[in-house]
């Protein structure tokens, strides 16, 4: 009789991805393989080549379109891993001939080489086997097999993945996070308490296995988990609860001198820039005035600022005249129901000082500043602590 508890442990966990994400990945694989196959055929098949799309590209497409954030799916891993494995396989055939033991050796050497060159890509093992057991056409191609079609197919598939993933809202290739906005050696504020990057590095060394997730993505998941735990403990405060509603704003065509007077007169540091439909199209801060006014040198700053703010009086001028010419376009916004803990990494780590808040129709509703956030977190923390 089967042990049902053991059987349950052997079954995979439920899939947490949404149906739309599953369809997105499947359509992406179709798009990538179709483009790769058609282009390879036009370049190779029409000229008599019998090998223009190798089977391991199907495995590569799974990583590229289902797991675009994986370290195993990055361009160097895909192109380098496939090509290097093809070269290893061809070298084994050249030295030892074509046989099953040679294929096994080629796969093992390919894995070791990919580890050494930091381009581990699982389909590379299949490329190495194909180079050994792919038939007369492949073995006859020798080292050229690693270039045509493997290199060609890999480059085409990666190009298709870059296009499709970014068009469908998945950043690819996966880039390292930006450095601290202040360019200092201090840790980012959100990691000064709790676990630190070196703690994660130490645990990963102890784990000593390949993870199909990047280190910075893993750190981000831990941080989001901590924030959810904080919400559960202290309750959810939303942006609508703490935002300023009577906000001074500007339009694209607001004159620079007028916007500067509003900033100084109301003792604020930034103005949301709205269009006629009251949708946020930008934000302009005192820093933007200083940057575009060429005020890096404090000497003569007053005179430079006055010249920058003074209208030129010309219909065409290289000098900025209105807010829309110096604002930060498409600023980061949050919704009314966004929990304020979601703003912490934006303000603490990314350097944002003001987050415009929009309603369900994406219309401007208010603004949350760093001061609003600090006051809300302070009040909630000490309210929970009691007298």
Protein backbone atom coordinates (compact mmCIF):
# COMPACT_ATOMS: atom_id res chain seq x y z
CA UNK A 1 0.00 0.00 0.00
CA UNK A 2 1.33 3.40 -0.99
CA UNK A 3 2.27 5.81 1.74
CA UNK A 4 -0.04 8.74 0.93
CA UNK A 5 1.96 11.17 3.11
CA UNK A 6 5.17 10.33 1.21
CA UNK A 7 3.36 10.63 -2.11
CA UNK A 8 2.03 14.06 -1.12
CA UNK A 9 5.57 15.21 -0.31
CA UNK A 10 6.77 14.08 -3.74
CA UNK A 11 4.10 16.06 -5.58
CA UNK A 12 5.02 19.59 -6.70
CA UNK A 13 3.70 22.61 -4.86
CA UNK A 14 0.70 24.46 -6.36
CA UNK A 15 1.55 26.93 -9.10
CA UNK A 16 1.32 30.49 -7.75
CA UNK A 17 1.54 32.21 -11.13
CA UNK A 18 -1.63 33.66 -12.61
CA UNK A 19 -3.26 32.31 -15.75
CA UNK A 20 -2.39 35.52 -17.59
CA UNK A 21 1.30 35.08 -16.73
CA UNK A 22 1.21 31.48 -17.89
CA UNK A 23 -0.35 32.55 -21.20
CA UNK A 24 2.19 35.38 -21.51
CA UNK A 25 5.06 32.92 -21.13
CA UNK A 26 3.56 30.42 -23.57
CA UNK A 27 2.91 33.06 -26.22
CA UNK A 28 6.43 34.39 -25.68
CA UNK A 29 7.96 30.98 -26.33
CA UNK A 30 5.91 30.69 -29.54
CA UNK A 31 7.00 34.16 -30.64
CA UNK A 32 10.67 33.58 -29.82
CA UNK A 33 10.94 30.16 -31.43
CA UNK A 34 8.92 31.24 -34.49
CA UNK A 35 11.12 34.30 -35.10
CA UNK A 36 14.29 32.30 -34.47
CA UNK A 37 13.20 29.47 -36.75
CA UNK A 38 12.08 31.69 -39.62
CA UNK A 39 15.21 33.89 -39.52
CA UNK A 40 17.52 30.87 -39.24
CA UNK A 41 15.81 29.16 -42.15
CA UNK A 42 16.08 32.26 -44.32
CA UNK A 43 19.78 32.59 -43.48
CA UNK A 44 20.73 28.90 -43.53
CA UNK A 45 17.99 26.55 -44.73
CA UNK A 46 17.57 28.17 -48.11
CA UNK A 47 21.27 27.66 -48.74
CA UNK A 48 21.12 23.90 -48.25
CA UNK A 49 21.81 23.66 -44.51
CA UNK A 50 19.83 20.84 -42.94
CA UNK A 51 20.42 22.17 -39.41
CA UNK A 52 19.07 25.66 -38.82
CA UNK A 53 17.11 25.35 -35.52
CA UNK A 54 18.50 23.02 -32.85
CA UNK A 55 16.26 21.34 -30.27
CA UNK A 56 17.96 22.86 -27.16
CA UNK A 57 16.51 26.25 -28.17
CA UNK A 58 13.15 24.92 -26.98
CA UNK A 59 14.60 24.46 -23.52
CA UNK A 60 16.22 27.89 -23.66
CA UNK A 61 12.84 29.42 -24.51
CA UNK A 62 11.38 28.04 -21.25
CA UNK A 63 13.95 29.99 -19.25
CA UNK A 64 13.83 33.13 -21.37
CA UNK A 65 10.05 33.55 -21.35
CA UNK A 66 8.96 31.79 -18.14
CA UNK A 67 11.89 32.82 -15.91
CA UNK A 68 13.32 36.02 -17.44
CA UNK A 69 14.69 37.11 -14.04
CA UNK A 70 16.63 33.90 -13.51
CA UNK A 71 20.46 34.05 -13.55
CA UNK A 72 20.28 31.03 -15.88
CA UNK A 73 18.29 33.03 -18.45
CA UNK A 74 20.46 36.12 -18.83
CA UNK A 75 22.02 36.88 -22.24
CA UNK A 76 25.54 35.82 -21.28
CA UNK A 77 24.22 32.59 -19.77
CA UNK A 78 22.14 31.76 -22.85
CA UNK A 79 24.63 32.71 -25.56
CA UNK A 80 27.80 31.82 -23.68
CA UNK A 81 26.42 28.60 -22.19
CA UNK A 82 25.08 27.28 -25.49
CA UNK A 83 28.11 28.23 -27.60
CA UNK A 84 30.70 27.02 -25.08
CA UNK A 85 28.84 23.73 -24.67
CA UNK A 86 28.80 23.32 -28.45
CA UNK A 87 32.54 23.88 -28.59
CA UNK A 88 33.13 21.39 -25.77
CA UNK A 89 30.99 18.80 -27.55
CA UNK A 90 32.78 19.34 -30.86
CA UNK A 91 36.18 19.04 -29.13
CA UNK A 92 35.14 15.70 -27.58
CA UNK A 93 34.01 14.37 -30.96
CA UNK A 94 37.22 15.56 -32.59
CA UNK A 95 39.36 13.82 -29.94
CA UNK A 96 37.36 10.70 -29.10
CA UNK A 97 34.74 10.18 -31.80
CA UNK A 98 30.98 9.88 -31.50
CA UNK A 99 29.55 7.53 -28.87
CA UNK A 100 27.36 7.51 -25.77
CA UNK A 101 30.31 7.62 -23.30
CA UNK A 102 31.76 10.58 -25.21
CA UNK A 103 28.36 12.32 -25.07
CA UNK A 104 28.26 11.82 -21.29
CA UNK A 105 31.78 13.22 -20.98
CA UNK A 106 30.87 16.22 -23.15
CA UNK A 107 27.86 17.01 -20.98
CA UNK A 108 29.93 16.84 -17.79
CA UNK A 109 32.75 18.98 -19.20
CA UNK A 110 30.24 21.50 -20.53
CA UNK A 111 28.74 21.92 -17.05
CA UNK A 112 32.16 22.43 -15.46
CA UNK A 113 33.15 24.94 -18.14
CA UNK A 114 29.90 26.89 -17.75
CA UNK A 115 30.47 27.04 -13.99
CA UNK A 116 34.01 28.29 -14.59
CA UNK A 117 32.92 31.01 -17.03
CA UNK A 118 29.80 31.97 -15.02
CA UNK A 119 27.40 31.19 -17.85
CA UNK A 120 25.51 28.19 -16.45
CA UNK A 121 22.57 27.45 -18.76
CA UNK A 122 20.81 24.05 -18.47
CA UNK A 123 20.09 23.69 -22.23
CA UNK A 124 23.86 23.92 -22.74
CA UNK A 125 24.08 20.31 -21.61
CA UNK A 126 21.69 19.38 -24.42
CA UNK A 127 23.81 21.34 -26.90
CA UNK A 128 26.87 19.34 -25.86
CA UNK A 129 24.98 16.05 -26.38
CA UNK A 130 23.68 17.24 -29.74
CA UNK A 131 27.21 18.05 -30.87
CA UNK A 132 28.22 14.44 -30.15
CA UNK A 133 25.09 12.49 -31.11
CA UNK A 134 23.37 14.88 -33.52
CA UNK A 135 24.09 12.83 -36.61
CA UNK A 136 26.45 13.08 -39.59
CA UNK A 137 25.50 16.65 -40.49
CA UNK A 138 26.30 17.92 -37.01
CA UNK A 139 29.51 15.98 -36.52
CA UNK A 140 30.68 16.97 -39.99
CA UNK A 141 30.23 20.63 -39.07
CA UNK A 142 32.73 20.21 -36.22
CA UNK A 143 33.50 23.38 -34.31
CA UNK A 144 31.40 25.33 -36.80
CA UNK A 145 28.27 23.81 -35.22
CA UNK A 146 28.83 26.02 -32.16
CA UNK A 147 28.67 29.10 -34.38
CA UNK A 148 26.13 28.05 -37.00
CA UNK A 149 23.44 27.36 -35.96
CA UNK A 150 23.97 27.48 -32.15
CA UNK A 151 25.34 31.01 -31.85
CA UNK A 152 22.92 32.33 -34.48
CA UNK A 153 19.89 30.68 -32.84
CA UNK A 154 20.91 31.84 -29.35
CA UNK A 155 21.36 35.45 -30.43
CA UNK A 156 18.04 35.50 -32.29
CA UNK A 157 16.20 33.95 -29.33
CA UNK A 158 17.73 36.42 -26.87
CA UNK A 159 16.82 39.35 -29.13
CA UNK A 160 13.23 38.09 -29.32
CA UNK A 161 13.16 37.70 -25.51
CA UNK A 162 14.39 41.26 -24.98
CA UNK A 163 11.66 42.60 -27.27
CA UNK A 164 8.77 40.44 -26.02
CA UNK A 165 9.49 40.52 -22.28
CA UNK A 166 9.87 44.30 -22.14
CA UNK A 167 6.75 44.85 -24.26
CA UNK A 168 4.77 42.63 -21.87
CA UNK A 169 6.00 44.23 -18.66
CA UNK A 170 8.88 41.90 -17.70
CA UNK A 171 12.26 43.61 -17.41
CA UNK A 172 14.88 41.70 -19.40
CA UNK A 173 17.81 41.40 -19.18
CA UNK A 174 17.86 41.47 -15.41
CA UNK A 175 20.00 44.43 -14.31
CA UNK A 176 21.75 44.85 -11.01
CA UNK A 177 19.99 47.30 -8.67
CA UNK A 178 21.13 50.91 -8.70
CA UNK A 179 23.65 51.99 -6.13
CA UNK A 180 22.64 54.10 -3.17
CA UNK A 181 21.36 57.45 -4.56
CA UNK A 182 23.78 59.35 -2.34
CA UNK A 183 26.80 57.36 -3.61
CA UNK A 184 28.17 56.69 -0.14
CA UNK A 185 29.44 53.53 1.54
CA UNK A 186 26.52 53.45 3.98
CA UNK A 187 23.99 50.65 3.62
CA UNK A 188 20.59 51.63 2.27
CA UNK A 189 18.26 52.70 5.11
CA UNK A 190 15.97 49.69 4.74
CA UNK A 191 18.83 47.27 5.44
CA UNK A 192 20.41 49.05 8.39
CA UNK A 193 18.03 47.15 10.66
CA UNK A 194 17.08 43.51 10.21
CA UNK A 195 19.13 41.25 7.94
CA UNK A 196 21.97 42.74 5.91
CA UNK A 197 23.31 41.77 2.46
CA UNK A 198 26.31 40.07 4.04
CA UNK A 199 23.91 37.94 6.13
CA UNK A 200 22.22 36.75 2.94
CA UNK A 201 25.59 36.08 1.31
CA UNK A 202 26.69 33.97 4.29
CA UNK A 203 23.48 31.91 4.21
CA UNK A 204 23.80 31.35 0.45
CA UNK A 205 27.36 30.12 0.93
CA UNK A 206 26.14 27.68 3.58
CA UNK A 207 23.30 26.53 1.33
CA UNK A 208 25.91 25.81 -1.38
CA UNK A 209 23.46 25.07 -4.20
CA UNK A 210 22.55 26.81 -7.42
CA UNK A 211 19.39 28.89 -7.04
CA UNK A 212 17.16 29.73 -9.97
CA UNK A 213 16.72 33.28 -8.70
CA UNK A 214 19.10 36.21 -8.58
CA UNK A 215 20.55 37.30 -5.26
CA UNK A 216 19.00 40.80 -5.42
CA UNK A 217 15.57 39.35 -6.31
CA UNK A 218 15.86 37.04 -3.31
CA UNK A 219 16.75 40.00 -1.09
CA UNK A 220 13.78 41.96 -2.46
CA UNK A 221 11.44 39.05 -1.68
CA UNK A 222 12.70 38.93 1.90
CA UNK A 223 12.14 42.68 2.27
CA UNK A 224 8.58 42.44 0.92
CA UNK A 225 7.91 39.54 3.27
CA UNK A 226 9.08 41.66 6.20
CA UNK A 227 6.78 44.51 5.10
CA UNK A 228 3.78 42.18 4.90
CA UNK A 229 4.58 40.90 8.38
CA UNK A 230 4.72 44.52 9.59
CA UNK A 231 1.30 45.19 8.05
CA UNK A 232 -0.18 42.15 9.76
CA UNK A 233 1.24 43.23 13.11
CA UNK A 234 0.42 46.93 13.07
CA UNK A 235 -2.49 47.09 10.62
CA UNK A 236 -2.65 48.72 7.20
CA UNK A 237 -2.40 52.49 6.83
CA UNK A 238 -2.99 53.61 3.25
CA UNK A 239 -1.76 56.62 1.35
CA UNK A 240 -5.28 58.06 1.46
CA UNK A 241 -5.04 58.17 5.26
CA UNK A 242 -1.94 60.34 5.46
CA UNK A 243 -1.63 62.26 2.15
CA UNK A 244 -1.93 66.01 1.75
CA UNK A 245 -5.01 66.84 -0.33
CA UNK A 246 -4.87 70.63 -0.72
CA UNK A 247 -1.74 70.53 -2.88
CA UNK A 248 -0.16 73.32 -4.90
CA UNK A 249 0.36 72.04 -8.46
CA UNK A 250 1.68 73.29 -11.78
CA UNK A 251 0.97 72.71 -15.47
CA UNK A 252 3.38 72.03 -18.31
CA UNK A 253 3.11 75.68 -19.42
CA UNK A 254 3.55 77.23 -15.97
CA UNK A 255 6.32 79.84 -16.18
CA UNK A 256 9.49 79.06 -14.25
CA UNK A 257 9.38 82.25 -12.20
CA UNK A 258 5.77 81.54 -11.21
CA UNK A 259 6.58 77.96 -10.19
CA UNK A 260 9.57 79.16 -8.17
CA UNK A 261 7.42 81.71 -6.32
CA UNK A 262 4.93 78.95 -5.46
CA UNK A 263 7.69 76.74 -4.09
CA UNK A 264 9.21 79.50 -2.01
CA UNK A 265 5.92 81.08 -0.96
CA UNK A 266 4.41 77.84 0.32
CA UNK A 267 7.74 76.56 1.70
CA UNK A 268 7.50 73.31 -0.22
CA UNK A 269 10.13 71.41 -2.18
CA UNK A 270 8.22 70.03 -5.17
CA UNK A 271 5.20 70.66 -7.37
CA UNK A 272 3.27 67.86 -9.12
CA UNK A 273 2.76 68.77 -12.79
CA UNK A 274 -0.74 67.94 -14.09
CA UNK A 275 -2.44 68.03 -17.47
CA UNK A 276 -5.95 69.36 -18.09
CA UNK A 277 -7.45 66.01 -17.04
CA UNK A 278 -5.59 66.27 -13.70
CA UNK A 279 -3.35 63.33 -14.49
CA UNK A 280 0.24 63.45 -13.28
CA UNK A 281 2.69 64.06 -16.13
CA UNK A 282 5.70 65.09 -14.07
CA UNK A 283 7.07 66.60 -10.91
CA UNK A 284 9.36 69.61 -10.53
CA UNK A 285 11.51 70.17 -7.46
CA UNK A 286 13.89 72.82 -6.20
CA UNK A 287 16.68 70.47 -7.25
CA UNK A 288 15.47 70.63 -10.87
CA UNK A 289 15.74 74.43 -10.79
CA UNK A 290 19.27 74.24 -9.42
CA UNK A 291 20.34 71.57 -11.91
CA UNK A 292 18.92 73.21 -15.03
CA UNK A 293 19.90 76.67 -13.87
CA UNK A 294 23.58 75.72 -13.82
CA UNK A 295 23.85 76.50 -10.12
CA UNK A 296 26.53 73.95 -9.24
CA UNK A 297 28.87 76.79 -8.22
CA UNK A 298 27.57 78.69 -5.20
CA UNK A 299 29.41 81.86 -6.26
CA UNK A 300 27.04 84.24 -8.00
CA UNK A 301 24.14 81.85 -7.39
CA UNK A 302 21.61 84.60 -6.85
CA UNK A 303 22.42 86.29 -10.16
CA UNK A 304 22.40 82.98 -12.05
CA UNK A 305 19.04 82.02 -10.56
CA UNK A 306 17.50 85.37 -11.48
CA UNK A 307 18.75 85.05 -15.06
CA UNK A 308 17.36 81.51 -15.26
CA UNK A 309 13.92 82.52 -13.96
CA UNK A 310 13.63 85.71 -16.03
CA UNK A 311 11.59 85.12 -19.25
CA UNK A 312 13.63 85.69 -22.40
CA UNK A 313 10.78 87.45 -24.19
CA UNK A 314 11.47 85.49 -27.38
CA UNK A 315 9.17 83.06 -29.15
CA UNK A 316 12.05 80.63 -29.71
CA UNK A 317 14.76 80.24 -27.13
CA UNK A 318 17.25 77.55 -26.09
CA UNK A 319 16.71 78.64 -22.50
CA UNK A 320 14.05 76.74 -20.52
CA UNK A 321 10.98 78.94 -20.06
CA UNK A 322 8.28 76.70 -18.56
CA UNK A 323 7.99 73.92 -15.99
CA UNK A 324 7.49 71.23 -18.62
CA UNK A 325 11.03 71.78 -19.90
CA UNK A 326 12.74 70.98 -16.59
CA UNK A 327 10.32 68.62 -14.81
CA UNK A 328 10.97 64.94 -14.17
CA UNK A 329 8.54 63.27 -16.58
CA UNK A 330 6.49 60.18 -15.68
CA UNK A 331 7.26 60.23 -11.95
CA UNK A 332 6.63 57.27 -9.68
CA UNK A 333 3.08 57.42 -8.29
CA UNK A 334 1.02 55.39 -5.80
CA UNK A 335 -2.68 54.66 -5.48
CA UNK A 336 -5.01 55.79 -2.74
CA UNK A 337 -5.20 52.25 -1.33
CA UNK A 338 -1.43 51.62 -1.44
CA UNK A 339 -0.16 50.68 2.06
CA UNK A 340 2.34 53.27 3.26
CA UNK A 341 4.92 50.59 4.05
CA UNK A 342 5.21 50.09 0.27
CA UNK A 343 6.54 53.65 0.05
CA UNK A 344 9.37 53.01 2.52
CA UNK A 345 11.85 51.50 0.01
CA UNK A 346 10.95 54.15 -2.58
CA UNK A 347 11.73 57.00 -0.23
CA UNK A 348 14.47 55.41 1.85
CA UNK A 349 16.43 53.59 -0.86
CA UNK A 350 15.49 55.18 -4.19
CA UNK A 351 15.78 58.77 -3.04
CA UNK A 352 12.19 59.91 -3.71
CA UNK A 353 11.04 62.71 -1.41
CA UNK A 354 7.51 63.18 -2.79
CA UNK A 355 5.12 60.53 -4.16
CA UNK A 356 2.03 61.82 -6.03
CA UNK A 357 -1.11 59.80 -5.19
CA UNK A 358 -3.69 58.98 -7.88
CA UNK A 359 -7.22 57.57 -7.73
CA UNK A 360 -8.65 54.60 -9.60
CA UNK A 361 -8.95 56.74 -12.75
CA UNK A 362 -5.28 57.77 -12.47
CA UNK A 363 -6.27 61.35 -11.58
CA UNK A 364 -4.21 63.30 -9.07
CA UNK A 365 -5.63 63.02 -5.53
CA UNK A 366 -2.84 64.19 -3.23
CA UNK A 367 0.80 63.78 -2.30
CA UNK A 368 2.77 61.94 0.38
CA UNK A 369 6.10 63.37 1.51
CA UNK A 370 8.86 61.86 3.59
CA UNK A 371 7.63 63.92 6.55
CA UNK A 372 4.10 62.47 6.18
CA UNK A 373 5.51 58.95 6.10
CA UNK A 374 7.79 59.39 9.11
CA UNK A 375 4.99 60.98 11.16
CA UNK A 376 2.55 58.17 10.33
CA UNK A 377 4.98 55.39 11.17
CA UNK A 378 6.01 57.13 14.39
CA UNK A 379 2.40 57.66 15.46
CA UNK A 380 1.41 54.05 14.70
CA UNK A 381 4.45 52.59 16.43
CA UNK A 382 3.92 54.49 19.66
CA UNK A 383 0.15 54.03 19.58
CA UNK A 384 0.75 50.27 19.58
CA UNK A 385 3.33 50.60 22.38
CA UNK A 386 0.75 52.28 24.61
CA UNK A 387 1.39 54.79 27.41
